[in-house]
Amino acid sequence: MATQTKGKFQASLIPLIAIMTALTTVLTMLVKLPTPTRGYLNLSDAMIFFSAYAFGPWVGGIIGGLGPALSDLLSGYPQWAAFTFVIDGLQAVLVGLLVRKFRPANMIAGSIVAGVWKVFGYFIAGGILSGWGPALGEVAGNAGQMAVGLVIAYALFAAVRKAYPPLVRMGNLGVQHTGALAQDDTSTTPGTGTETPERSSASEIDTPASRTR
């Protein structure tokens, strides 16, 4: 029975990953600012951070890697696709592993660590593809892109987490049932220090097969 439930849960991830990957691809293509290394600045970080917050490191990593990489292929930057898949995918994995509580300090600190990895990763990739001079010139732009994406992702996740808890039940920061509140204050309202327990419906009760860690 547990195996069947697990299989159904894993199968249900396929459309979720497909939809979120498509959204990430579209958002990445929405804003494209050319850079000296023949790449482009974009809004991919917003969806990378959001996916990691909402769905955890592994599902977030797939979405965060595939979405921007597909954007590279569709936008005429195929030389970047493999680098993007690895760099952005690991960025999402790092966020999912490091950010464990729904608190501004925790989310910002973990996201910045992952963002530093991304800036470093694209510096190396840019140096390989276009030379170290142009790559160094992109460091500030990539850091700014990461900061903007973090702000957008935090605001979006906070709103979605409150409005529709089932969407974020797989990640570390999902709204948990009241029995878990004593051990993890993931329902604490940022900046207020007060807990606001939220009840889950019968279909949202956490089970070993309905949560990834």
N, C-alpha and C. Protein backbone atom coordinates (compact mmCIF):
# COMPACT_ATOMS: atom_id res chain seq x y z
N MET A 1 0.82 -1.20 0.00
CA MET A 1 0.00 0.00 0.00
C MET A 1 0.86 1.25 0.00
N ALA A 2 1.91 1.22 0.83
CA ALA A 2 2.82 2.37 0.88
C ALA A 2 3.51 2.57 -0.45
N THR A 3 3.87 1.46 -1.11
CA THR A 3 4.53 1.56 -2.41
C THR A 3 3.61 2.18 -3.45
N GLN A 4 2.32 1.79 -3.42
CA GLN A 4 1.36 2.37 -4.35
C GLN A 4 1.19 3.85 -4.11
N THR A 5 1.11 4.25 -2.84
CA THR A 5 0.95 5.66 -2.51
C THR A 5 2.17 6.46 -2.96
N LYS A 6 3.35 5.89 -2.71
CA LYS A 6 4.58 6.56 -3.13
C LYS A 6 4.63 6.71 -4.64
N GLY A 7 4.21 5.65 -5.36
CA GLY A 7 4.20 5.71 -6.82
C GLY A 7 3.27 6.77 -7.35
N LYS A 8 2.08 6.86 -6.73
CA LYS A 8 1.12 7.88 -7.14
C LYS A 8 1.66 9.27 -6.87
N PHE A 9 2.32 9.44 -5.71
CA PHE A 9 2.88 10.74 -5.36
C PHE A 9 3.96 11.14 -6.36
N GLN A 10 4.86 10.20 -6.68
CA GLN A 10 5.91 10.52 -7.63
C GLN A 10 5.35 10.82 -9.01
N ALA A 11 4.32 10.07 -9.41
CA ALA A 11 3.70 10.33 -10.70
C ALA A 11 3.06 11.71 -10.73
N SER A 12 2.50 12.14 -9.60
CA SER A 12 1.85 13.44 -9.56
C SER A 12 2.85 14.58 -9.69
N LEU A 13 4.15 14.29 -9.45
CA LEU A 13 5.17 15.33 -9.59
C LEU A 13 5.45 15.68 -11.04
N ILE A 14 5.18 14.76 -11.95
CA ILE A 14 5.54 14.98 -13.35
C ILE A 14 4.83 16.21 -13.93
N PRO A 15 3.49 16.33 -13.82
CA PRO A 15 2.86 17.54 -14.34
C PRO A 15 3.27 18.80 -13.60
N LEU A 16 3.52 18.68 -12.29
CA LEU A 16 3.98 19.84 -11.52
C LEU A 16 5.32 20.33 -12.04
N ILE A 17 6.26 19.41 -12.22
CA ILE A 17 7.58 19.79 -12.73
C ILE A 17 7.46 20.37 -14.13
N ALA A 18 6.60 19.78 -14.97
CA ALA A 18 6.44 20.26 -16.34
C ALA A 18 5.89 21.69 -16.35
N ILE A 19 4.87 21.94 -15.54
CA ILE A 19 4.25 23.27 -15.51
C ILE A 19 5.23 24.30 -14.96
N MET A 20 5.89 23.98 -13.85
CA MET A 20 6.82 24.93 -13.25
C MET A 20 8.04 25.16 -14.14
N THR A 21 8.49 24.12 -14.84
CA THR A 21 9.61 24.31 -15.77
C THR A 21 9.21 25.24 -16.91
N ALA A 22 7.99 25.05 -17.42
CA ALA A 22 7.51 25.94 -18.50
C ALA A 22 7.41 27.38 -18.01
N LEU A 23 6.88 27.59 -16.81
CA LEU A 23 6.78 28.94 -16.26
C LEU A 23 8.16 29.57 -16.07
N THR A 24 9.10 28.76 -15.61
CA THR A 24 10.46 29.27 -15.41
C THR A 24 11.10 29.64 -16.74
N THR A 25 10.87 28.81 -17.76
CA THR A 25 11.41 29.11 -19.09
C THR A 25 10.85 30.41 -19.63
N VAL A 26 9.54 30.58 -19.51
CA VAL A 26 8.89 31.80 -20.02
C VAL A 26 9.38 33.03 -19.29
N LEU A 27 9.46 32.95 -17.95
CA LEU A 27 9.90 34.12 -17.18
C LEU A 27 11.35 34.46 -17.49
N THR A 28 12.18 33.44 -17.71
CA THR A 28 13.58 33.68 -18.06
C THR A 28 13.69 34.38 -19.41
N MET A 29 12.81 34.02 -20.34
CA MET A 29 12.84 34.63 -21.67
C MET A 29 12.17 36.00 -21.71
N LEU A 30 11.39 36.32 -20.68
CA LEU A 30 10.62 37.56 -20.68
C LEU A 30 11.51 38.79 -20.69
N VAL A 31 12.56 38.75 -19.88
CA VAL A 31 13.52 39.86 -19.81
C VAL A 31 14.90 39.32 -20.17
N LYS A 32 15.50 39.87 -21.22
CA LYS A 32 16.81 39.42 -21.66
C LYS A 32 17.69 40.64 -21.91
N LEU A 33 18.67 40.84 -21.04
CA LEU A 33 19.61 41.95 -21.20
C LEU A 33 20.96 41.38 -21.60
N PRO A 34 21.41 41.60 -22.86
CA PRO A 34 22.67 41.04 -23.34
C PRO A 34 23.86 41.46 -22.48
N THR A 35 24.84 40.56 -22.35
CA THR A 35 26.03 40.82 -21.55
C THR A 35 27.29 40.64 -22.40
N PRO A 36 28.44 41.13 -21.89
CA PRO A 36 29.69 41.04 -22.67
C PRO A 36 30.13 39.62 -23.01
N THR A 37 29.70 38.63 -22.25
CA THR A 37 30.11 37.25 -22.52
C THR A 37 29.15 36.55 -23.48
N ARG A 38 28.35 37.34 -24.18
CA ARG A 38 27.37 36.81 -25.13
C ARG A 38 26.31 35.95 -24.42
N GLY A 39 26.03 36.31 -23.20
CA GLY A 39 24.92 35.74 -22.45
C GLY A 39 23.86 36.81 -22.23
N TYR A 40 23.05 36.66 -21.19
CA TYR A 40 22.03 37.66 -20.92
C TYR A 40 21.58 37.58 -19.46
N LEU A 41 21.25 38.75 -18.91
CA LEU A 41 20.66 38.82 -17.59
C LEU A 41 19.16 38.60 -17.71
N ASN A 42 18.55 38.00 -16.68
CA ASN A 42 17.14 37.65 -16.78
C ASN A 42 16.53 37.54 -15.38
N LEU A 43 15.30 37.05 -15.31
CA LEU A 43 14.59 36.93 -14.04
C LEU A 43 14.50 35.47 -13.57
N SER A 44 15.39 34.64 -14.04
CA SER A 44 15.32 33.22 -13.69
C SER A 44 15.46 32.98 -12.19
N ASP A 45 16.23 33.82 -11.50
CA ASP A 45 16.45 33.61 -10.08
C ASP A 45 15.16 33.61 -9.28
N ALA A 46 14.20 34.40 -9.70
CA ALA A 46 12.93 34.47 -8.98
C ALA A 46 12.27 33.09 -8.92
N MET A 47 12.22 32.39 -10.06
CA MET A 47 11.59 31.07 -10.10
C MET A 47 12.48 29.99 -9.49
N ILE A 48 13.79 30.17 -9.58
CA ILE A 48 14.71 29.21 -8.97
C ILE A 48 14.53 29.22 -7.46
N PHE A 49 14.55 30.41 -6.87
CA PHE A 49 14.36 30.53 -5.43
C PHE A 49 12.97 30.03 -5.02
N PHE A 50 11.95 30.46 -5.76
CA PHE A 50 10.58 30.07 -5.41
C PHE A 50 10.42 28.55 -5.45
N SER A 51 10.93 27.92 -6.49
CA SER A 51 10.80 26.47 -6.63
C SER A 51 11.50 25.74 -5.49
N ALA A 52 12.66 26.23 -5.09
CA ALA A 52 13.39 25.60 -3.98
C ALA A 52 12.65 25.80 -2.66
N TYR A 53 12.11 27.00 -2.44
CA TYR A 53 11.34 27.25 -1.21
C TYR A 53 10.11 26.34 -1.16
N ALA A 54 9.41 26.25 -2.26
CA ALA A 54 8.11 25.58 -2.28
C ALA A 54 8.21 24.07 -2.34
N PHE A 55 9.15 23.54 -3.12
CA PHE A 55 9.16 22.11 -3.41
C PHE A 55 10.39 21.37 -2.91
N GLY A 56 11.28 22.06 -2.22
CA GLY A 56 12.45 21.40 -1.69
C GLY A 56 13.61 21.34 -2.68
N PRO A 57 14.74 20.78 -2.25
CA PRO A 57 15.96 20.84 -3.07
C PRO A 57 15.93 20.05 -4.36
N TRP A 58 15.31 18.87 -4.36
CA TRP A 58 15.44 17.99 -5.52
C TRP A 58 14.46 18.36 -6.63
N VAL A 59 13.19 18.54 -6.29
CA VAL A 59 12.23 19.01 -7.29
C VAL A 59 12.60 20.42 -7.72
N GLY A 60 12.96 21.27 -6.76
CA GLY A 60 13.39 22.62 -7.11
C GLY A 60 14.61 22.62 -8.00
N GLY A 61 15.53 21.68 -7.75
CA GLY A 61 16.73 21.61 -8.58
C GLY A 61 16.43 21.25 -10.03
N ILE A 62 15.48 20.34 -10.22
CA ILE A 62 15.10 19.97 -11.59
C ILE A 62 14.47 21.16 -12.31
N ILE A 63 13.54 21.81 -11.63
CA ILE A 63 12.87 22.97 -12.23
C ILE A 63 13.87 24.10 -12.48
N GLY A 64 14.70 24.38 -11.47
CA GLY A 64 15.67 25.47 -11.58
C GLY A 64 16.72 25.24 -12.64
N GLY A 65 17.07 23.98 -12.89
CA GLY A 65 18.05 23.70 -13.93
C GLY A 65 17.45 23.64 -15.32
N LEU A 66 16.33 22.96 -15.46
CA LEU A 66 15.71 22.76 -16.78
C LEU A 66 15.15 24.05 -17.37
N GLY A 67 14.42 24.82 -16.54
CA GLY A 67 13.76 26.01 -17.07
C GLY A 67 14.71 26.99 -17.74
N PRO A 68 15.73 27.49 -17.03
CA PRO A 68 16.68 28.42 -17.66
C PRO A 68 17.47 27.79 -18.80
N ALA A 69 17.80 26.49 -18.70
CA ALA A 69 18.54 25.83 -19.78
C ALA A 69 17.71 25.78 -21.06
N LEU A 70 16.42 25.48 -20.92
CA LEU A 70 15.53 25.50 -22.09
C LEU A 70 15.43 26.90 -22.67
N SER A 71 15.43 27.90 -21.80
CA SER A 71 15.40 29.28 -22.28
C SER A 71 16.64 29.59 -23.11
N ASP A 72 17.80 29.12 -22.67
CA ASP A 72 19.02 29.31 -23.46
C ASP A 72 18.88 28.70 -24.84
N LEU A 73 18.35 27.49 -24.90
CA LEU A 73 18.21 26.80 -26.19
C LEU A 73 17.23 27.51 -27.10
N LEU A 74 16.13 27.99 -26.53
CA LEU A 74 15.09 28.64 -27.33
C LEU A 74 15.43 30.08 -27.70
N SER A 75 16.34 30.69 -26.97
CA SER A 75 16.65 32.10 -27.17
C SER A 75 17.90 32.33 -28.01
N GLY A 76 18.52 31.27 -28.48
CA GLY A 76 19.71 31.43 -29.30
C GLY A 76 21.01 31.48 -28.53
N TYR A 77 21.02 30.91 -27.33
CA TYR A 77 22.25 30.85 -26.53
C TYR A 77 22.57 29.38 -26.18
N PRO A 78 22.63 28.51 -27.15
CA PRO A 78 22.82 27.07 -26.86
C PRO A 78 24.14 26.77 -26.17
N GLN A 79 25.16 27.60 -26.39
CA GLN A 79 26.46 27.36 -25.75
C GLN A 79 26.39 27.48 -24.23
N TRP A 80 25.35 28.13 -23.74
CA TRP A 80 25.20 28.32 -22.30
C TRP A 80 24.34 27.24 -21.64
N ALA A 81 23.61 26.47 -22.40
CA ALA A 81 22.59 25.58 -21.85
C ALA A 81 23.14 24.59 -20.82
N ALA A 82 24.23 23.92 -21.14
CA ALA A 82 24.78 22.93 -20.21
C ALA A 82 25.28 23.60 -18.93
N PHE A 83 25.98 24.74 -19.08
CA PHE A 83 26.43 25.47 -17.90
C PHE A 83 25.25 25.91 -17.04
N THR A 84 24.23 26.43 -17.70
CA THR A 84 23.06 26.92 -16.98
C THR A 84 22.37 25.81 -16.21
N PHE A 85 22.21 24.66 -16.84
CA PHE A 85 21.55 23.55 -16.18
C PHE A 85 22.26 23.18 -14.88
N VAL A 86 23.58 23.10 -14.92
CA VAL A 86 24.35 22.72 -13.74
C VAL A 86 24.35 23.84 -12.70
N ILE A 87 24.65 25.06 -13.12
CA ILE A 87 24.79 26.18 -12.18
C ILE A 87 23.45 26.51 -11.53
N ASP A 88 22.41 26.68 -12.33
CA ASP A 88 21.11 27.05 -11.77
C ASP A 88 20.47 25.89 -11.00
N GLY A 89 20.68 24.68 -11.50
CA GLY A 89 20.14 23.52 -10.78
C GLY A 89 20.76 23.37 -9.40
N LEU A 90 22.08 23.52 -9.31
CA LEU A 90 22.75 23.44 -8.01
C LEU A 90 22.37 24.62 -7.11
N GLN A 91 22.11 25.77 -7.71
CA GLN A 91 21.64 26.91 -6.92
C GLN A 91 20.34 26.56 -6.19
N ALA A 92 19.40 25.96 -6.90
CA ALA A 92 18.13 25.58 -6.29
C ALA A 92 18.32 24.50 -5.24
N VAL A 93 19.19 23.53 -5.51
CA VAL A 93 19.45 22.47 -4.54
C VAL A 93 20.03 23.06 -3.25
N LEU A 94 20.97 23.97 -3.39
CA LEU A 94 21.57 24.61 -2.22
C LEU A 94 20.53 25.36 -1.39
N VAL A 95 19.67 26.11 -2.07
CA VAL A 95 18.62 26.84 -1.35
C VAL A 95 17.72 25.87 -0.60
N GLY A 96 17.31 24.81 -1.27
CA GLY A 96 16.43 23.84 -0.64
C GLY A 96 17.06 23.15 0.57
N LEU A 97 18.36 22.95 0.53
CA LEU A 97 19.05 22.29 1.64
C LEU A 97 19.36 23.26 2.79
N LEU A 98 19.64 24.50 2.46
CA LEU A 98 20.09 25.46 3.47
C LEU A 98 18.95 26.18 4.18
N VAL A 99 17.87 26.45 3.47
CA VAL A 99 16.77 27.22 4.06
C VAL A 99 15.79 26.25 4.71
N ARG A 100 15.74 26.26 6.04
CA ARG A 100 14.96 25.28 6.78
C ARG A 100 13.77 25.88 7.53
N LYS A 101 13.72 27.18 7.69
CA LYS A 101 12.62 27.80 8.42
C LYS A 101 12.10 29.02 7.65
N PHE A 102 10.78 29.26 7.81
CA PHE A 102 10.18 30.41 7.14
C PHE A 102 10.41 31.67 7.98
N ARG A 103 11.63 32.13 7.96
CA ARG A 103 12.01 33.36 8.63
C ARG A 103 12.87 34.17 7.67
N PRO A 104 12.70 35.49 7.62
CA PRO A 104 13.47 36.30 6.67
C PRO A 104 14.97 36.07 6.76
N ALA A 105 15.51 36.04 7.99
CA ALA A 105 16.96 35.88 8.14
C ALA A 105 17.45 34.56 7.57
N ASN A 106 16.72 33.48 7.85
CA ASN A 106 17.11 32.17 7.34
C ASN A 106 17.02 32.10 5.82
N MET A 107 15.94 32.63 5.29
CA MET A 107 15.73 32.57 3.85
C MET A 107 16.75 33.42 3.11
N ILE A 108 17.01 34.61 3.63
CA ILE A 108 17.96 35.51 2.97
C ILE A 108 19.38 34.94 3.03
N ALA A 109 19.78 34.45 4.21
CA ALA A 109 21.14 33.93 4.36
C ALA A 109 21.38 32.73 3.44
N GLY A 110 20.45 31.75 3.47
CA GLY A 110 20.62 30.58 2.62
C GLY A 110 20.59 30.92 1.14
N SER A 111 19.73 31.85 0.77
CA SER A 111 19.62 32.24 -0.64
C SER A 111 20.86 32.99 -1.11
N ILE A 112 21.44 33.80 -0.23
CA ILE A 112 22.65 34.54 -0.61
C ILE A 112 23.82 33.57 -0.83
N VAL A 113 23.92 32.56 0.04
CA VAL A 113 24.98 31.56 -0.15
C VAL A 113 24.84 30.89 -1.52
N ALA A 114 23.60 30.50 -1.86
CA ALA A 114 23.36 29.89 -3.17
C ALA A 114 23.61 30.89 -4.29
N GLY A 115 23.28 32.17 -4.04
CA GLY A 115 23.51 33.20 -5.05
C GLY A 115 24.99 33.43 -5.31
N VAL A 116 25.80 33.35 -4.24
CA VAL A 116 27.25 33.49 -4.42
C VAL A 116 27.79 32.36 -5.29
N TRP A 117 27.26 31.15 -5.06
CA TRP A 117 27.65 30.03 -5.93
C TRP A 117 27.31 30.34 -7.38
N LYS A 118 26.11 30.90 -7.61
CA LYS A 118 25.70 31.17 -8.99
C LYS A 118 26.61 32.21 -9.64
N VAL A 119 26.91 33.27 -8.91
CA VAL A 119 27.80 34.32 -9.46
C VAL A 119 29.17 33.72 -9.80
N PHE A 120 29.69 32.90 -8.89
CA PHE A 120 30.98 32.26 -9.14
C PHE A 120 30.89 31.30 -10.33
N GLY A 121 29.80 30.51 -10.38
CA GLY A 121 29.64 29.56 -11.47
C GLY A 121 29.60 30.24 -12.83
N TYR A 122 28.87 31.35 -12.92
CA TYR A 122 28.78 32.04 -14.20
C TYR A 122 30.07 32.79 -14.53
N PHE A 123 30.83 33.17 -13.52
CA PHE A 123 32.14 33.76 -13.78
C PHE A 123 33.04 32.72 -14.45
N ILE A 124 33.05 31.50 -13.92
CA ILE A 124 33.86 30.44 -14.52
C ILE A 124 33.36 30.11 -15.93
N ALA A 125 32.04 29.97 -16.08
CA ALA A 125 31.48 29.65 -17.40
C ALA A 125 31.76 30.76 -18.40
N GLY A 126 31.61 32.01 -17.96
CA GLY A 126 31.88 33.14 -18.86
C GLY A 126 33.34 33.21 -19.25
N GLY A 127 34.22 32.89 -18.30
CA GLY A 127 35.65 32.88 -18.63
C GLY A 127 35.98 31.83 -19.66
N ILE A 128 35.36 30.68 -19.56
CA ILE A 128 35.60 29.60 -20.51
C ILE A 128 35.07 29.97 -21.90
N LEU A 129 33.89 30.56 -21.94
CA LEU A 129 33.24 30.84 -23.22
C LEU A 129 33.74 32.12 -23.89
N SER A 130 34.06 33.16 -23.08
CA SER A 130 34.35 34.48 -23.69
C SER A 130 35.59 35.16 -23.15
N GLY A 131 36.28 34.57 -22.19
CA GLY A 131 37.47 35.20 -21.63
C GLY A 131 37.19 35.75 -20.24
N TRP A 132 38.26 35.90 -19.45
CA TRP A 132 38.11 36.28 -18.05
C TRP A 132 37.79 37.75 -17.86
N GLY A 133 38.22 38.58 -18.78
CA GLY A 133 37.90 40.01 -18.68
C GLY A 133 36.40 40.27 -18.77
N PRO A 134 35.75 39.83 -19.85
CA PRO A 134 34.30 40.00 -19.94
C PRO A 134 33.56 39.31 -18.80
N ALA A 135 34.05 38.15 -18.38
CA ALA A 135 33.38 37.42 -17.30
C ALA A 135 33.43 38.21 -15.99
N LEU A 136 34.57 38.84 -15.72
CA LEU A 136 34.69 39.65 -14.51
C LEU A 136 33.74 40.84 -14.55
N GLY A 137 33.53 41.38 -15.74
CA GLY A 137 32.62 42.51 -15.88
C GLY A 137 31.16 42.16 -15.62
N GLU A 138 30.84 40.88 -15.61
CA GLU A 138 29.45 40.46 -15.39
C GLU A 138 29.14 40.12 -13.94
N VAL A 139 30.14 40.13 -13.09
CA VAL A 139 29.92 39.73 -11.70
C VAL A 139 28.88 40.61 -11.03
N ALA A 140 29.01 41.92 -11.19
CA ALA A 140 28.06 42.85 -10.55
C ALA A 140 26.65 42.65 -11.10
N GLY A 141 26.53 42.44 -12.40
CA GLY A 141 25.21 42.24 -13.00
C GLY A 141 24.55 40.96 -12.51
N ASN A 142 25.33 39.88 -12.41
CA ASN A 142 24.78 38.62 -11.92
C ASN A 142 24.38 38.72 -10.45
N ALA A 143 25.17 39.47 -9.67
CA ALA A 143 24.82 39.67 -8.26
C ALA A 143 23.52 40.47 -8.14
N GLY A 144 23.38 41.50 -8.98
CA GLY A 144 22.14 42.27 -8.96
C GLY A 144 20.94 41.46 -9.39
N GLN A 145 21.12 40.61 -10.40
CA GLN A 145 20.05 39.72 -10.85
C GLN A 145 19.61 38.79 -9.73
N MET A 146 20.58 38.27 -8.98
CA MET A 146 20.26 37.38 -7.86
C MET A 146 19.47 38.12 -6.79
N ALA A 147 19.87 39.36 -6.47
CA ALA A 147 19.19 40.12 -5.43
C ALA A 147 17.74 40.43 -5.82
N VAL A 148 17.54 40.83 -7.07
CA VAL A 148 16.18 41.11 -7.54
C VAL A 148 15.33 39.84 -7.50
N GLY A 149 15.90 38.73 -7.94
CA GLY A 149 15.17 37.46 -7.92
C GLY A 149 14.80 37.03 -6.52
N LEU A 150 15.68 37.29 -5.55
CA LEU A 150 15.40 36.93 -4.16
C LEU A 150 14.21 37.72 -3.61
N VAL A 151 14.18 38.99 -3.89
CA VAL A 151 13.06 39.83 -3.42
C VAL A 151 11.74 39.36 -4.02
N ILE A 152 11.74 39.12 -5.32
CA ILE A 152 10.51 38.68 -6.00
C ILE A 152 10.07 37.31 -5.47
N ALA A 153 11.02 36.39 -5.33
CA ALA A 153 10.69 35.03 -4.89
C ALA A 153 10.15 35.01 -3.47
N TYR A 154 10.74 35.80 -2.59
CA TYR A 154 10.28 35.83 -1.20
C TYR A 154 8.85 36.33 -1.13
N ALA A 155 8.57 37.43 -1.82
CA ALA A 155 7.22 38.00 -1.81
C ALA A 155 6.21 37.03 -2.42
N LEU A 156 6.58 36.40 -3.53
CA LEU A 156 5.68 35.47 -4.19
C LEU A 156 5.43 34.24 -3.32
N PHE A 157 6.48 33.69 -2.74
CA PHE A 157 6.31 32.50 -1.91
C PHE A 157 5.48 32.79 -0.66
N ALA A 158 5.72 33.93 -0.03
CA ALA A 158 4.95 34.28 1.17
C ALA A 158 3.47 34.37 0.85
N ALA A 159 3.15 34.95 -0.31
CA ALA A 159 1.74 35.10 -0.70
C ALA A 159 1.12 33.74 -1.03
N VAL A 160 1.82 32.92 -1.80
CA VAL A 160 1.29 31.61 -2.20
C VAL A 160 1.18 30.69 -0.99
N ARG A 161 2.17 30.71 -0.11
CA ARG A 161 2.16 29.87 1.08
C ARG A 161 0.94 30.14 1.95
N LYS A 162 0.57 31.38 2.04
CA LYS A 162 -0.59 31.74 2.87
C LYS A 162 -1.90 31.46 2.15
N ALA A 163 -1.94 31.71 0.85
CA ALA A 163 -3.20 31.58 0.11
C ALA A 163 -3.51 30.14 -0.25
N TYR A 164 -2.49 29.33 -0.53
CA TYR A 164 -2.75 27.95 -0.99
C TYR A 164 -1.69 27.01 -0.44
N PRO A 165 -1.79 26.63 0.84
CA PRO A 165 -0.78 25.77 1.47
C PRO A 165 -0.46 24.47 0.74
N PRO A 166 -1.44 23.78 0.10
CA PRO A 166 -1.08 22.51 -0.55
C PRO A 166 0.01 22.63 -1.61
N LEU A 167 0.12 23.81 -2.24
CA LEU A 167 1.11 23.97 -3.29
C LEU A 167 2.53 23.88 -2.76
N VAL A 168 2.72 24.22 -1.49
CA VAL A 168 4.07 24.27 -0.95
C VAL A 168 4.30 23.21 0.13
N ARG A 169 3.49 22.16 0.16
CA ARG A 169 3.58 21.20 1.25
C ARG A 169 4.82 20.30 1.15
N MET A 170 5.50 20.28 0.02
CA MET A 170 6.63 19.37 -0.15
C MET A 170 7.94 19.94 0.37
N GLY A 171 8.07 21.26 0.39
CA GLY A 171 9.33 21.88 0.79
C GLY A 171 9.48 21.99 2.29
N ASN A 172 10.66 22.40 2.72
CA ASN A 172 10.93 22.58 4.14
C ASN A 172 10.06 23.67 4.74
N LEU A 173 9.60 24.61 3.93
CA LEU A 173 8.89 25.77 4.43
C LEU A 173 7.39 25.66 4.25
N GLY A 174 6.89 24.47 3.93
CA GLY A 174 5.46 24.28 3.74
C GLY A 174 4.69 24.49 5.04
N VAL A 175 3.43 24.86 4.93
CA VAL A 175 2.58 25.03 6.10
C VAL A 175 2.26 23.66 6.66
N GLN A 176 2.63 23.40 7.89
CA GLN A 176 2.48 22.09 8.48
C GLN A 176 1.21 22.02 9.33
N HIS A 177 0.79 20.77 9.62
CA HIS A 177 -0.36 20.60 10.50
C HIS A 177 0.01 21.00 11.91
N THR A 178 -0.99 21.27 12.72
CA THR A 178 -0.77 21.87 14.04
C THR A 178 0.10 21.00 14.94
N GLY A 179 0.13 19.70 14.74
CA GLY A 179 0.93 18.83 15.59
C GLY A 179 2.42 19.07 15.47
N ALA A 180 2.85 19.66 14.36
CA ALA A 180 4.27 19.90 14.16
C ALA A 180 4.69 21.29 14.58
N LEU A 181 3.75 22.14 14.95
CA LEU A 181 4.08 23.53 15.23
C LEU A 181 4.96 23.68 16.47
N ALA A 182 4.84 22.78 17.42
CA ALA A 182 5.64 22.90 18.63
C ALA A 182 7.11 22.68 18.37
N GLN A 183 7.43 21.95 17.29
CA GLN A 183 8.82 21.63 16.98
C GLN A 183 9.39 22.51 15.90
N ASP A 184 8.58 23.10 15.08
CA ASP A 184 9.08 23.89 13.96
C ASP A 184 8.13 25.04 13.72
N ASP A 185 8.60 26.25 13.83
CA ASP A 185 7.70 27.40 13.72
C ASP A 185 7.64 27.90 12.30
N THR A 186 7.44 27.01 11.36
CA THR A 186 7.36 27.41 9.96
C THR A 186 6.12 28.22 9.67
N SER A 187 5.18 28.31 10.61
CA SER A 187 4.01 29.14 10.40
C SER A 187 4.14 30.48 11.09
N THR A 188 5.35 30.82 11.56
CA THR A 188 5.54 32.10 12.19
C THR A 188 5.48 33.21 11.17
N THR A 189 4.71 34.23 11.45
CA THR A 189 4.62 35.36 10.54
C THR A 189 5.92 36.14 10.58
N PRO A 190 6.59 36.37 9.44
CA PRO A 190 7.89 37.04 9.44
C PRO A 190 7.81 38.39 10.12
N GLY A 191 8.75 38.63 11.06
CA GLY A 191 8.86 39.93 11.68
C GLY A 191 7.95 40.14 12.87
N THR A 192 7.00 39.21 13.14
CA THR A 192 6.07 39.44 14.23
C THR A 192 6.37 38.57 15.42
N GLY A 193 6.98 37.40 15.18
CA GLY A 193 7.28 36.49 16.27
C GLY A 193 6.08 35.76 16.81
N THR A 194 4.93 35.88 16.17
CA THR A 194 3.73 35.20 16.62
C THR A 194 3.40 34.07 15.70
N GLU A 195 2.94 32.95 16.25
CA GLU A 195 2.63 31.79 15.43
C GLU A 195 1.17 31.83 15.03
N THR A 196 0.93 31.46 13.78
CA THR A 196 -0.43 31.44 13.25
C THR A 196 -0.69 30.07 12.69
N PRO A 197 -1.04 29.08 13.54
CA PRO A 197 -1.26 27.72 13.05
C PRO A 197 -2.33 27.68 11.99
N GLU A 198 -2.08 26.88 10.96
CA GLU A 198 -3.04 26.74 9.88
C GLU A 198 -3.39 25.27 9.76
N ARG A 199 -4.67 24.97 9.78
CA ARG A 199 -5.11 23.59 9.73
C ARG A 199 -5.11 23.10 8.29
N SER A 200 -4.72 21.86 8.13
CA SER A 200 -4.74 21.25 6.81
C SER A 200 -6.01 20.43 6.68
N SER A 201 -6.50 20.34 5.46
CA SER A 201 -7.65 19.48 5.21
C SER A 201 -7.20 18.04 5.21
N ALA A 202 -8.17 17.12 5.15
CA ALA A 202 -7.82 15.69 5.21
C ALA A 202 -6.89 15.30 4.09
N SER A 203 -7.03 15.95 2.96
CA SER A 203 -6.20 15.59 1.81
C SER A 203 -4.81 16.17 1.91
N GLU A 204 -4.56 17.09 2.91
CA GLU A 204 -3.28 17.75 3.02
C GLU A 204 -2.47 17.25 4.21
N ILE A 205 -3.00 16.27 4.98
CA ILE A 205 -2.30 15.80 6.16
C ILE A 205 -0.98 15.17 5.74
N ASP A 206 0.09 15.56 6.45
CA ASP A 206 1.42 15.06 6.09
C ASP A 206 1.52 13.58 6.36
N THR A 207 2.07 12.86 5.43
CA THR A 207 2.43 11.46 5.59
C THR A 207 3.82 11.28 5.07
N PRO A 208 4.48 10.17 5.39
CA PRO A 208 5.84 9.97 4.89
C PRO A 208 5.91 10.02 3.38
N ALA A 209 4.80 9.71 2.69
CA ALA A 209 4.85 9.70 1.22
C ALA A 209 4.44 11.02 0.63
N SER A 210 4.02 11.99 1.45
CA SER A 210 3.55 13.25 0.89
C SER A 210 4.47 14.40 1.23
N ARG A 211 5.71 14.13 1.64
CA ARG A 211 6.65 15.18 1.98
C ARG A 211 8.03 14.75 1.59
N THR A 212 8.77 15.64 0.99
CA THR A 212 10.15 15.35 0.68
C THR A 212 11.04 16.18 1.57
N ARG A 213 12.17 15.66 1.90
CA ARG A 213 13.11 16.36 2.77
C ARG A 213 14.47 16.42 2.11
